[in-house]
């Protein structure tokens, strides 16, 4: 009896903390790139009501902005979701290759823009919900500006940077329009001004650097940990990191026997330092924390279940009281 009650308790615990698995038919679309020029590609597509799974292709070491807009946009997923409401969702990625995004809708238009210059590009600022944006240039002087817009017809006709119009890409759905504006800008001031259409908008300000190399700098504990960057071993100077790499996205793994390993994605931008400070957790400490967590949250419930089981068992074993008088 005790074993059965404990089994039921564990089953209910798993049921409470497990996420439901949703199965549904979906619109599956590959947005084949349409080449704009030597550095950018784009595409737009209408999708039907229901679940949509979209794949877009991002240039190696490029930047992509993806927008899905329409009626009742729900459950958007994909890396990285920057903005979402019931009418539209906006993603940004600098991961190369085919990227997948999904959402539910009552019908929508989805589109993307991917650009690559052969130079380091860093997202400096994302902003949304304004008609005029004043964005810090962070000591950059060359930029890629991308604006997304969703609204009624004629509400997404133009956008500008420092009064210079951006190139417009777009498509139409039922009673609405979706647009992406983009342009390459040289500017030396502290703040750059972006003016957008009357519809709902988001702005991505991306800095461009001609420097090929950047650095990962910081410290690692334990000091004799093994450092692997995209599978290649690098060494620290008594635990101090100072590694020069071409701009790009790197998988950094830090290993040490007796400690929990760490694997993270680290961007490196031309002419800039990416800080990285890591202290690996002792494996024994992690085990103590995990056991402590389990005891604090599950032991009281298990004890209660055991008490109930023992009580029921005792009642069954105790002979009924017979009044002999």
Foldseek 3Di string as FASTA:
>chain_A
DLVVLVVVVVVVVCVVPDDDDDDDDEAEDEFDWDDPDPWKTKGKDKDAAFKYKYKYFAAAQKKKKKKKFDAQKADKDWPPWDDDDRGMTMHMDRDGGITMIMTGGNMIMMMMMITDDVFFKAWDDKDWDDQKDKAFPVQFFKKKKKKKFKDFPPQFDWKDKPPHTFDWDWDDDVRMIIIMTIDMGGHGDGIIMIGGGRGTMMMIIMGTDRAFKFWEWEFEPPQAKWKAKQRDTDHADSGTGTDMDTFHKIWIWTDDPQFDIDIDIFTGHGPYYTYDYYYTHGPVVVVVVVVVVCCVPPVVVSVVSSVVVVVVVVVVPDDDDDDPD
